[in-house]
PDB file of N, CA and C in Angstrom:
ATOM      1  N   MET A   1      90.419  89.979 120.053  1.00  0.00           N
ATOM      2  CA  MET A   1      91.666  90.097 119.415  1.00  0.00           C
ATOM      3  C   MET A   1      92.909  89.187 119.768  1.00  0.00           C
ATOM      4  N   ASN A   2      93.284  88.119 119.006  1.00  0.00           N
ATOM      5  CA  ASN A   2      94.160  86.912 119.838  1.00  0.00           C
ATOM      6  C   ASN A   2      95.714  87.571 118.489  1.00  0.00           C
ATOM      7  N   GLN A   3      96.551  86.530 119.216  1.00  0.00           N
ATOM      8  CA  GLN A   3      97.773  87.219 118.176  1.00  0.00           C
ATOM      9  C   GLN A   3      98.050  86.390 116.638  1.00  0.00           C
ATOM     10  N   ASP A   4      96.899  85.461 116.606  1.00  0.00           N
ATOM     11  CA  ASP A   4      97.312  85.143 115.236  1.00  0.00           C
ATOM     12  C   ASP A   4      96.516  86.011 114.061  1.00  0.00           C
ATOM     13  N   THR A   5      95.257  86.318 114.673  1.00  0.00           N
ATOM     14  CA  THR A   5      94.781  88.295 113.918  1.00  0.00           C
ATOM     15  C   THR A   5      95.479  88.800 113.872  1.00  0.00           C
ATOM     16  N   VAL A   6      96.189  89.286 114.630  1.00  0.00           N
ATOM     17  CA  VAL A   6      97.298  90.134 114.467  1.00  0.00           C
ATOM     18  C   VAL A   6      98.209  90.285 113.377  1.00  0.00           C
ATOM     19  N   VAL A   7      98.979  88.850 113.251  1.00  0.00           N
ATOM     20  CA  VAL A   7     100.287  88.735 112.502  1.00  0.00           C
ATOM     21  C   VAL A   7      99.454  88.510 111.168  1.00  0.00           C
ATOM     22  N   SER A   8      98.288  88.062 110.748  1.00  0.00           N
ATOM     23  CA  SER A   8      97.727  88.064 109.710  1.00  0.00           C
ATOM     24  C   SER A   8      97.234  89.524 109.215  1.00  0.00           C
ATOM     25  N   LEU A   9      97.007  90.511 109.770  1.00  0.00           N
ATOM     26  CA  LEU A   9      96.959  92.228 109.601  1.00  0.00           C
ATOM     27  C   LEU A   9      97.768  92.643 109.174  1.00  0.00           C
ATOM     28  N   ALA A  10      99.182  92.170 110.257  1.00  0.00           N
ATOM     29  CA  ALA A  10     100.410  92.517 109.978  1.00  0.00           C
ATOM     30  C   ALA A  10     101.393  92.314 108.778  1.00  0.00           C
ATOM     31  N   THR A  11     100.902  90.888 108.076  1.00  0.00           N
ATOM     32  CA  THR A  11     101.476  90.362 106.727  1.00  0.00           C
ATOM     33  C   THR A  11     100.491  90.475 105.736  1.00  0.00           C
ATOM     34  N   GLN A  12      98.941  91.248 106.645  1.00  0.00           N
ATOM     35  CA  GLN A  12      98.159  91.590 104.664  1.00  0.00           C
ATOM     36  C   GLN A  12      98.975  92.698 104.668  1.00  0.00           C
ATOM     37  N   ALA A  13      99.475  93.746 105.565  1.00  0.00           N
ATOM     38  CA  ALA A  13      99.300  95.039 105.260  1.00  0.00           C
ATOM     39  C   ALA A  13     101.037  95.301 104.842  1.00  0.00           C
ATOM     40  N   MET A  14     101.880  94.345 105.007  1.00  0.00           N
ATOM     41  CA  MET A  14     103.186  94.243 104.409  1.00  0.00           C
ATOM     42  C   MET A  14     102.828  93.895 103.189  1.00  0.00           C
ATOM     43  N   THR A  15     102.675  93.023 103.255  1.00  0.00           N
ATOM     44  CA  THR A  15     102.372  92.749 100.981  1.00  0.00           C
ATOM     45  C   THR A  15     101.877  93.256 100.489  1.00  0.00           C
ATOM     46  N   LEU A  16     100.969  93.663 101.350  1.00  0.00           N
ATOM     47  CA  LEU A  16     100.014  95.430 100.517  1.00  0.00           C
ATOM     48  C   LEU A  16     101.332  96.286 100.188  1.00  0.00           C
ATOM     49  N   ALA A  17     101.958  96.595 100.927  1.00  0.00           N
ATOM     50  CA  ALA A  17     103.156  97.533 100.858  1.00  0.00           C
ATOM     51  C   ALA A  17     104.302  97.129  99.817  1.00  0.00           C
ATOM     52  N   PHE A  18     104.856  95.916  99.404  1.00  0.00           N
ATOM     53  CA  PHE A  18     105.546  95.171  98.991  1.00  0.00           C
ATOM     54  C   PHE A  18     104.572  95.792  97.303  1.00  0.00           C
ATOM     55  N   GLU A  19     103.571  95.357  97.388  1.00  0.00           N
ATOM     56  CA  GLU A  19     102.669  94.916  96.067  1.00  0.00           C
ATOM     57  C   GLU A  19     103.088  96.205  95.481  1.00  0.00           C
ATOM     58  N   VAL A  20     102.757  97.327  96.301  1.00  0.00           N
ATOM     59  CA  VAL A  20     101.983  98.905  95.720  1.00  0.00           C
ATOM     60  C   VAL A  20     103.568  99.430  95.477  1.00  0.00           C
ATOM     61  N   ALA A  21     104.881  99.314  96.193  1.00  0.00           N
ATOM     62  CA  ALA A  21     105.735 100.231  96.561  1.00  0.00           C
ATOM     63  C   ALA A  21     107.059  99.417  95.650  1.00  0.00           C
ATOM     64  N   GLY A  22     107.088  98.044  95.426  1.00  0.00           N
ATOM     65  CA  GLY A  22     107.685  97.645  94.410  1.00  0.00           C
ATOM     66  C   GLY A  22     107.319  98.203  93.011  1.00  0.00           C
ATOM     67  N   PRO A  23     106.888  97.838  91.774  1.00  0.00           N
ATOM     68  CA  PRO A  23     106.964  98.608  90.858  1.00  0.00           C
ATOM     69  C   PRO A  23     107.479  99.809  91.250  1.00  0.00           C
ATOM     70  N   ILE A  24     107.402 101.011  92.007  1.00  0.00           N
ATOM     71  CA  ILE A  24     108.158 102.061  91.803  1.00  0.00           C
ATOM     72  C   ILE A  24     109.478 101.907  92.328  1.00  0.00           C
ATOM     73  N   LEU A  25     109.943 101.030  93.381  1.00  0.00           N
ATOM     74  CA  LEU A  25     111.236 100.793  93.373  1.00  0.00           C
ATOM     75  C   LEU A  25     112.028 100.074  92.415  1.00  0.00           C
ATOM     76  N   LEU A  26     111.772  99.016  91.623  1.00  0.00           N
ATOM     77  CA  LEU A  26     112.021  98.738  90.654  1.00  0.00           C
ATOM     78  C   LEU A  26     112.240  99.448  89.061  1.00  0.00           C
ATOM     79  N   VAL A  27     111.424  99.526  89.066  1.00  0.00           N
ATOM     80  CA  VAL A  27     111.419 101.304  87.647  1.00  0.00           C
ATOM     81  C   VAL A  27     113.032 102.129  88.492  1.00  0.00           C
ATOM     82  N   GLY A  28     113.016 103.023  89.373  1.00  0.00           N
ATOM     83  CA  GLY A  28     113.861 103.674  90.390  1.00  0.00           C
ATOM     84  C   GLY A  28     115.357 102.728  89.954  1.00  0.00           C
ATOM     85  N   LEU A  29     115.022 102.172  90.177  1.00  0.00           N
ATOM     86  CA  LEU A  29     116.133 101.191  90.178  1.00  0.00           C
ATOM     87  C   LEU A  29     116.988 100.676  89.049  1.00  0.00           C
ATOM     88  N   VAL A  30     116.320 100.918  88.035  1.00  0.00           N
ATOM     89  CA  VAL A  30     116.552 100.066  85.929  1.00  0.00           C
ATOM     90  C   VAL A  30     117.192 101.516  85.128  1.00  0.00           C
ATOM     91  N   ILE A  31     116.313 102.720  86.028  1.00  0.00           N
ATOM     92  CA  ILE A  31     116.960 103.603  85.590  1.00  0.00           C
ATOM     93  C   ILE A  31     117.725 104.532  85.920  1.00  0.00           C
ATOM     94  N   GLY A  32     118.253 104.123  87.594  1.00  0.00           N
ATOM     95  CA  GLY A  32     119.597 104.370  88.055  1.00  0.00           C
ATOM     96  C   GLY A  32     120.362 103.905  87.475  1.00  0.00           C
ATOM     97  N   LEU A  33     120.169 102.135  86.743  1.00  0.00           N
ATOM     98  CA  LEU A  33     121.210 101.473  86.470  1.00  0.00           C
ATOM     99  C   LEU A  33     121.716 101.645  85.284  1.00  0.00           C
ATOM    100  N   ALA A  34     121.319 101.974  84.158  1.00  0.00           N
ATOM    101  CA  ALA A  34     121.111 102.552  82.579  1.00  0.00           C
ATOM    102  C   ALA A  34     121.350 103.451  83.096  1.00  0.00           C
ATOM    103  N   VAL A  35     121.582 104.747  84.457  1.00  0.00           N
ATOM    104  CA  VAL A  35     122.043 106.470  84.056  1.00  0.00           C
ATOM    105  C   VAL A  35     123.519 105.916  84.181  1.00  0.00           C
ATOM    106  N   SER A  36     123.552 105.272  84.952  1.00  0.00           N
ATOM    107  CA  SER A  36     124.834 105.144  85.480  1.00  0.00           C
ATOM    108  C   SER A  36     126.091 104.518  84.910  1.00  0.00           C
ATOM    109  N   LEU A  37     125.493 103.756  83.743  1.00  0.00           N
ATOM    110  CA  LEU A  37     125.933 102.905  82.696  1.00  0.00           C
ATOM    111  C   LEU A  37     126.355 103.682  82.139  1.00  0.00           C
ATOM    112  N   PHE A  38     125.410 104.768  81.637  1.00  0.00           N
ATOM    113  CA  PHE A  38     125.715 105.561  80.365  1.00  0.00           C
ATOM    114  C   PHE A  38     126.545 106.449  81.124  1.00  0.00           C
ATOM    115  N   GLN A  39     126.741 106.571  82.540  1.00  0.00           N
ATOM    116  CA  GLN A  39     127.523 108.015  83.080  1.00  0.00           C
ATOM    117  C   GLN A  39     129.229 106.911  82.701  1.00  0.00           C
ATOM    118  N   ALA A  40     129.229 106.042  83.030  1.00  0.00           N
ATOM    119  CA  ALA A  40     130.484 105.519  83.027  1.00  0.00           C
ATOM    120  C   ALA A  40     130.703 105.232  81.764  1.00  0.00           C
ATOM    121  N   VAL A  41     129.984 105.036  80.723  1.00  0.00           N
ATOM    122  CA  VAL A  41     130.633 104.712  79.145  1.00  0.00           C
ATOM    123  C   VAL A  41     130.588 106.226  79.117  1.00  0.00           C
ATOM    124  N   THR A  42     129.666 107.140  79.063  1.00  0.00           N
ATOM    125  CA  THR A  42     130.086 108.531  78.566  1.00  0.00           C
ATOM    126  C   THR A  42     131.401 109.472  79.318  1.00  0.00           C
ATOM    127  N   GLN A  43     131.625 108.942  80.475  1.00  0.00           N
ATOM    128  CA  GLN A  43     132.104 109.526  81.083  1.00  0.00           C
ATOM    129  C   GLN A  43     132.141 110.823  82.145  1.00  0.00           C
ATOM    130  N   ILE A  44     130.359 111.068  81.751  1.00  0.00           N
ATOM    131  CA  ILE A  44     130.033 112.271  81.582  1.00  0.00           C
ATOM    132  C   ILE A  44     129.360 112.435  83.672  1.00  0.00           C
ATOM    133  N   GLN A  45     129.435 112.753  84.184  1.00  0.00           N
ATOM    134  CA  GLN A  45     129.930 113.057  85.852  1.00  0.00           C
ATOM    135  C   GLN A  45     128.942 114.251  86.292  1.00  0.00           C
ATOM    136  N   GLU A  46     128.127 114.464  85.144  1.00  0.00           N
ATOM    137  CA  GLU A  46     126.964 115.251  85.652  1.00  0.00           C
ATOM    138  C   GLU A  46     126.026 114.634  86.818  1.00  0.00           C
ATOM    139  N   GLN A  47     125.842 115.514  87.879  1.00  0.00           N
ATOM    140  CA  GLN A  47     125.028 114.732  88.844  1.00  0.00           C
ATOM    141  C   GLN A  47     123.354 115.007  88.685  1.00  0.00           C
ATOM    142  N   SER A  48     122.761 116.100  88.540  1.00  0.00           N
ATOM    143  CA  SER A  48     121.666 116.433  87.849  1.00  0.00           C
ATOM    144  C   SER A  48     121.045 115.468  87.260  1.00  0.00           C
ATOM    145  N   LEU A  49     122.062 114.783  85.736  1.00  0.00           N
ATOM    146  CA  LEU A  49     121.589 114.061  84.851  1.00  0.00           C
ATOM    147  C   LEU A  49     121.143 112.732  85.195  1.00  0.00           C
ATOM    148  N   SER A  50     121.627 112.496  86.503  1.00  0.00           N
ATOM    149  CA  SER A  50     120.865 110.482  87.338  1.00  0.00           C
ATOM    150  C   SER A  50     119.168 111.280  87.702  1.00  0.00           C
ATOM    151  N   PHE A  51     119.080 112.303  88.263  1.00  0.00           N
ATOM    152  CA  PHE A  51     117.838 112.359  89.138  1.00  0.00           C
ATOM    153  C   PHE A  51     116.625 113.363  87.693  1.00  0.00           C
ATOM    154  N   ILE A  52     116.822 113.589  86.999  1.00  0.00           N
ATOM    155  CA  ILE A  52     115.934 114.190  86.281  1.00  0.00           C
ATOM    156  C   ILE A  52     115.454 113.244  85.183  1.00  0.00           C
ATOM    157  N   PRO A  53     116.024 111.753  84.813  1.00  0.00           N
ATOM    158  CA  PRO A  53     114.907 110.354  84.328  1.00  0.00           C
ATOM    159  C   PRO A  53     114.398 109.913  85.262  1.00  0.00           C
ATOM    160  N   LYS A  54     114.911 109.603  86.436  1.00  0.00           N
ATOM    161  CA  LYS A  54     114.789 108.686  87.757  1.00  0.00           C
ATOM    162  C   LYS A  54     112.826 109.415  87.545  1.00  0.00           C
ATOM    163  N   ILE A  55     113.350 111.767  87.782  1.00  0.00           N
ATOM    164  CA  ILE A  55     111.422 111.908  88.322  1.00  0.00           C
ATOM    165  C   ILE A  55     110.789 111.255  86.709  1.00  0.00           C
ATOM    166  N   ILE A  56     110.942 111.583  85.713  1.00  0.00           N
ATOM    167  CA  ILE A  56     110.183 111.292  84.644  1.00  0.00           C
ATOM    168  C   ILE A  56     110.392 109.849  84.407  1.00  0.00           C
ATOM    169  N   GLY A  57     110.469 109.020  84.893  1.00  0.00           N
ATOM    170  CA  GLY A  57     110.135 107.419  84.365  1.00  0.00           C
ATOM    171  C   GLY A  57     109.572 107.224  85.611  1.00  0.00           C
ATOM    172  N   LEU A  58     109.493 107.858  86.516  1.00  0.00           N
ATOM    173  CA  LEU A  58     108.319 107.477  88.583  1.00  0.00           C
ATOM    174  C   LEU A  58     107.146 108.088  87.529  1.00  0.00           C
ATOM    175  N   ALA A  59     107.257 109.618  87.376  1.00  0.00           N
ATOM    176  CA  ALA A  59     106.129 110.453  87.539  1.00  0.00           C
ATOM    177  C   ALA A  59     104.854 110.079  86.051  1.00  0.00           C
ATOM    178  N   VAL A  60     105.896 108.945  85.470  1.00  0.00           N
ATOM    179  CA  VAL A  60     105.061 108.011  83.898  1.00  0.00           C
ATOM    180  C   VAL A  60     104.217 106.784  84.663  1.00  0.00           C
ATOM    181  N   LEU A  61     104.905 106.787  85.549  1.00  0.00           N
ATOM    182  CA  LEU A  61     105.151 105.113  86.482  1.00  0.00           C
ATOM    183  C   LEU A  61     103.677 105.004  86.863  1.00  0.00           C
ATOM    184  N   ILE A  62     103.858 106.687  87.670  1.00  0.00           N
ATOM    185  CA  ILE A  62     102.339 106.610  89.229  1.00  0.00           C
ATOM    186  C   ILE A  62     101.222 107.058  87.970  1.00  0.00           C
ATOM    187  N   VAL A  63     101.684 107.807  86.365  1.00  0.00           N
ATOM    188  CA  VAL A  63     100.495 108.108  86.189  1.00  0.00           C
ATOM    189  C   VAL A  63      99.643 106.732  85.587  1.00  0.00           C
ATOM    190  N   VAL A  64     100.402 105.536  84.675  1.00  0.00           N
ATOM    191  CA  VAL A  64     100.521 104.597  84.783  1.00  0.00           C
ATOM    192  C   VAL A  64      99.471 103.846  86.034  1.00  0.00           C
ATOM    193  N   LEU A  65     100.215 103.649  86.888  1.00  0.00           N
ATOM    194  CA  LEU A  65      99.410 102.630  87.742  1.00  0.00           C
ATOM    195  C   LEU A  65      98.904 102.564  89.091  1.00  0.00           C
ATOM    196  N   GLY A  66      99.307 104.712  88.584  1.00  0.00           N
ATOM    197  CA  GLY A  66      98.718 105.327  90.272  1.00  0.00           C
ATOM    198  C   GLY A  66      97.317 104.454  90.296  1.00  0.00           C
ATOM    199  N   PRO A  67      95.673 104.067  89.825  1.00  0.00           N
ATOM    200  CA  PRO A  67      94.705 103.920  89.723  1.00  0.00           C
ATOM    201  C   PRO A  67      94.740 102.969  90.577  1.00  0.00           C
ATOM    202  N   TRP A  68      95.466 101.862  89.379  1.00  0.00           N
ATOM    203  CA  TRP A  68      95.517 100.111  90.288  1.00  0.00           C
ATOM    204  C   TRP A  68      96.300 100.637  92.226  1.00  0.00           C
ATOM    205  N   MET A  69      96.772 101.382  92.230  1.00  0.00           N
ATOM    206  CA  MET A  69      97.665 101.560  93.271  1.00  0.00           C
ATOM    207  C   MET A  69      96.456 101.840  94.391  1.00  0.00           C
ATOM    208  N   MET A  70      95.735 102.820  94.295  1.00  0.00           N
ATOM    209  CA  MET A  70      94.699 103.142  94.795  1.00  0.00           C
ATOM    210  C   MET A  70      93.702 102.216  95.595  1.00  0.00           C
ATOM    211  N   ASP A  71      93.568 101.557  94.134  1.00  0.00           N
ATOM    212  CA  ASP A  71      92.115 100.936  94.452  1.00  0.00           C
ATOM    213  C   ASP A  71      92.933 100.089  95.452  1.00  0.00           C
ATOM    214  N   ARG A  72      94.301  99.107  95.038  1.00  0.00           N
ATOM    215  CA  ARG A  72      94.582  98.047  96.406  1.00  0.00           C
ATOM    216  C   ARG A  72      94.414  98.883  97.717  1.00  0.00           C
ATOM    217  N   LEU A  73      94.651 100.416  97.442  1.00  0.00           N
ATOM    218  CA  LEU A  73      95.152 100.941  99.201  1.00  0.00           C
ATOM    219  C   LEU A  73      93.482 100.992  99.692  1.00  0.00           C
ATOM    220  N   ILE A  74      92.594 101.244  98.571  1.00  0.00           N
ATOM    221  CA  ILE A  74      91.179 102.234  98.917  1.00  0.00           C
ATOM    222  C   ILE A  74      90.532 100.854  99.664  1.00  0.00           C
ATOM    223  N   ASN A  75      91.039  99.467  98.358  1.00  0.00           N
ATOM    224  CA  ASN A  75      90.188  98.017  98.847  1.00  0.00           C
ATOM    225  C   ASN A  75      90.923  97.838 100.498  1.00  0.00           C
ATOM    226  N   TYR A  76      91.615  97.942 100.817  1.00  0.00           N
ATOM    227  CA  TYR A  76      92.836  97.211 101.523  1.00  0.00           C
ATOM    228  C   TYR A  76      91.658  98.258 103.066  1.00  0.00           C
ATOM    229  N   VAL A  77      91.998  99.412 102.546  1.00  0.00           N
ATOM    230  CA  VAL A  77      91.384 100.098 104.404  1.00  0.00           C
ATOM    231  C   VAL A  77      89.423  99.936 104.015  1.00  0.00           C
ATOM    232  N   VAL A  78      89.004  99.651 103.714  1.00  0.00           N
ATOM    233  CA  VAL A  78      88.010  99.210 103.113  1.00  0.00           C
ATOM    234  C   VAL A  78      88.066  98.064 104.167  1.00  0.00           C
ATOM    235  N   ASN A  79      88.138  97.230 103.617  1.00  0.00           N
ATOM    236  CA  ASN A  79      87.694  95.968 104.356  1.00  0.00           C
ATOM    237  C   ASN A  79      88.780  95.570 105.978  1.00  0.00           C
ATOM    238  N   LEU A  80      89.296  96.353 105.924  1.00  0.00           N
ATOM    239  CA  LEU A  80      89.962  96.190 107.001  1.00  0.00           C
ATOM    240  C   LEU A  80      89.005  97.571 108.154  1.00  0.00           C
ATOM    241  N   TYR A  81      88.555  98.493 107.933  1.00  0.00           N
ATOM    242  CA  TYR A  81      87.618  99.133 108.764  1.00  0.00           C
ATOM    243  C   TYR A  81      86.275  97.797 108.478  1.00  0.00           C
ATOM    244  N   THR A  82      85.992  97.436 107.845  1.00  0.00           N
ATOM    245  CA  THR A  82      84.619  96.870 107.681  1.00  0.00           C
ATOM    246  C   THR A  82      84.808  95.309 108.905  1.00  0.00           C
ATOM    247  N   SER A  83      85.775  95.052 109.125  1.00  0.00           N
ATOM    248  CA  SER A  83      85.992  93.976 110.071  1.00  0.00           C
ATOM    249  C   SER A  83      86.568  93.981 111.532  1.00  0.00           C
ATOM    250  N   ILE A  84      86.013  95.170 111.221  1.00  0.00           N
ATOM    251  CA  ILE A  84      86.959  95.822 113.205  1.00  0.00           C
ATOM    252  C   ILE A  84      85.551  95.388 114.150  1.00  0.00           C
ATOM    253  N   PRO A  85      83.983  95.808 113.348  1.00  0.00           N
ATOM    254  CA  PRO A  85      83.378  94.430 114.705  1.00  0.00           C
ATOM    255  C   PRO A  85      83.799  93.198 114.976  1.00  0.00           C
ATOM    256  N   SER A  86      84.060  92.595 113.711  1.00  0.00           N
ATOM    257  CA  SER A  86      83.888  91.138 114.032  1.00  0.00           C
ATOM    258  C   SER A  86      85.926  90.849 114.342  1.00  0.00           C
ATOM    259  N   LEU A  87      86.728  91.665 114.505  1.00  0.00           N
ATOM    260  CA  LEU A  87      87.624  91.355 115.001  1.00  0.00           C
ATOM    261  C   LEU A  87      88.025  91.400 116.983  1.00  0.00           C
ATOM    262  N   VAL A  88      86.792  92.891 117.030  1.00  0.00           N
ATOM    263  CA  VAL A  88      87.292  92.965 118.370  1.00  0.00           C
ATOM    264  C   VAL A  88      86.522  92.171 119.074  1.00  0.00           C
ATOM    265  N   HIS A  89      85.323  91.409 118.944  1.00  0.00           N
ATOM    266  CA  HIS A  89      84.925  90.264 119.445  1.00  0.00           C
ATOM    267  C   HIS A  89      85.168  88.994 119.399  1.00  0.00           C
TER     268      HIS A  89
END
Protein backbone atom coordinates (compact mmCIF):
# COMPACT_ATOMS: atom_id res chain seq x y z
CA MET A 1 0.00 0.00 0.00
CA ASN A 2 1.55 3.26 -1.08
CA GLN A 3 0.94 6.87 -0.16
CA ASP A 4 -1.51 7.48 -3.01
CA THR A 5 -3.74 4.65 -1.83
CA VAL A 6 -3.83 5.99 1.72
CA VAL A 7 -4.65 9.50 0.51
CA SER A 8 -7.39 8.11 -1.74
CA LEU A 9 -8.95 6.12 1.11
CA ALA A 10 -8.80 9.13 3.43
CA THR A 11 -10.37 11.34 0.78
CA GLN A 12 -13.20 8.86 0.20
CA ALA A 13 -13.82 8.56 3.95
CA MET A 14 -13.91 12.33 4.47
CA THR A 15 -16.18 12.83 1.47
CA LEU A 16 -18.58 10.22 2.82
CA ALA A 17 -18.50 11.84 6.26
CA PHE A 18 -19.40 15.21 4.74
CA GLU A 19 -22.18 13.68 2.64
CA VAL A 20 -23.73 11.92 5.63
CA ALA A 21 -23.24 14.68 8.21
CA GLY A 22 -24.00 17.59 5.88
CA PRO A 23 -27.81 17.35 5.86
CA ILE A 24 -27.89 16.92 9.64
CA LEU A 25 -25.68 19.93 10.25
CA LEU A 26 -27.55 22.03 7.69
CA VAL A 27 -30.96 21.29 9.22
CA GLY A 28 -29.64 22.01 12.70
CA LEU A 29 -28.20 25.30 11.47
CA VAL A 30 -31.40 26.39 9.72
CA ILE A 31 -33.63 25.47 12.67
CA GLY A 32 -31.27 27.18 15.11
CA LEU A 33 -31.22 30.33 12.99
CA ALA A 34 -35.02 30.35 12.72
CA VAL A 35 -35.46 29.88 16.48
CA SER A 36 -32.90 32.60 17.23
CA LEU A 37 -34.66 34.97 14.86
CA PHE A 38 -38.01 34.13 16.50
CA GLN A 39 -36.53 34.75 19.95
CA ALA A 40 -35.05 38.08 18.87
CA VAL A 41 -38.31 39.26 17.35
CA THR A 42 -40.54 38.21 20.25
CA GLN A 43 -37.93 38.84 22.98
CA ILE A 44 -38.64 35.41 24.46
CA GLN A 45 -35.37 34.23 25.99
CA GLU A 46 -36.36 30.75 27.13
CA GLN A 47 -33.33 28.47 26.77
CA SER A 48 -35.33 25.27 26.33
CA LEU A 49 -37.12 26.81 23.33
CA SER A 50 -34.03 26.39 21.18
CA PHE A 51 -33.55 22.67 21.88
CA ILE A 52 -37.04 21.26 21.26
CA PRO A 53 -37.37 22.32 17.59
CA LYS A 54 -33.84 21.09 16.84
CA ILE A 55 -34.52 17.71 18.39
CA ILE A 56 -37.79 17.33 16.49
CA GLY A 57 -36.28 18.49 13.19
CA LEU A 58 -33.24 16.24 13.47
CA ALA A 59 -35.37 13.25 14.47
CA VAL A 60 -37.57 13.75 11.42
CA LEU A 61 -34.50 14.11 9.20
CA ILE A 62 -32.95 10.92 10.56
CA VAL A 63 -36.20 9.04 9.98
CA VAL A 64 -36.42 10.35 6.42
CA LEU A 65 -32.74 10.16 5.41
CA GLY A 66 -31.62 7.40 7.79
CA PRO A 67 -31.92 4.56 5.27
CA TRP A 68 -29.95 6.53 2.67
CA MET A 69 -27.23 7.34 5.23
CA MET A 70 -26.95 3.73 6.34
CA ASP A 71 -26.86 2.53 2.75
CA ARG A 72 -23.99 4.90 1.95
CA LEU A 73 -22.04 3.85 5.05
CA ILE A 74 -22.62 0.13 4.53
CA ASN A 75 -21.58 0.33 0.87
CA TYR A 76 -18.38 2.15 1.81
CA VAL A 77 -17.47 -0.38 4.51
CA VAL A 78 -18.25 -3.37 2.28
CA ASN A 79 -16.16 -1.91 -0.55
CA LEU A 80 -13.33 -1.15 1.85
CA TYR A 81 -13.31 -4.65 3.35
CA THR A 82 -13.51 -6.36 -0.03
CA SER A 83 -10.61 -4.29 -1.32
CA ILE A 84 -8.29 -5.16 1.57
CA PRO A 85 -6.58 -8.06 -0.26
CA SER A 86 -5.80 -5.86 -3.25
CA LEU A 87 -4.61 -3.03 -1.00
CA VAL A 88 -2.13 -5.19 0.88
CA HIS A 89 -0.35 -6.54 -2.21
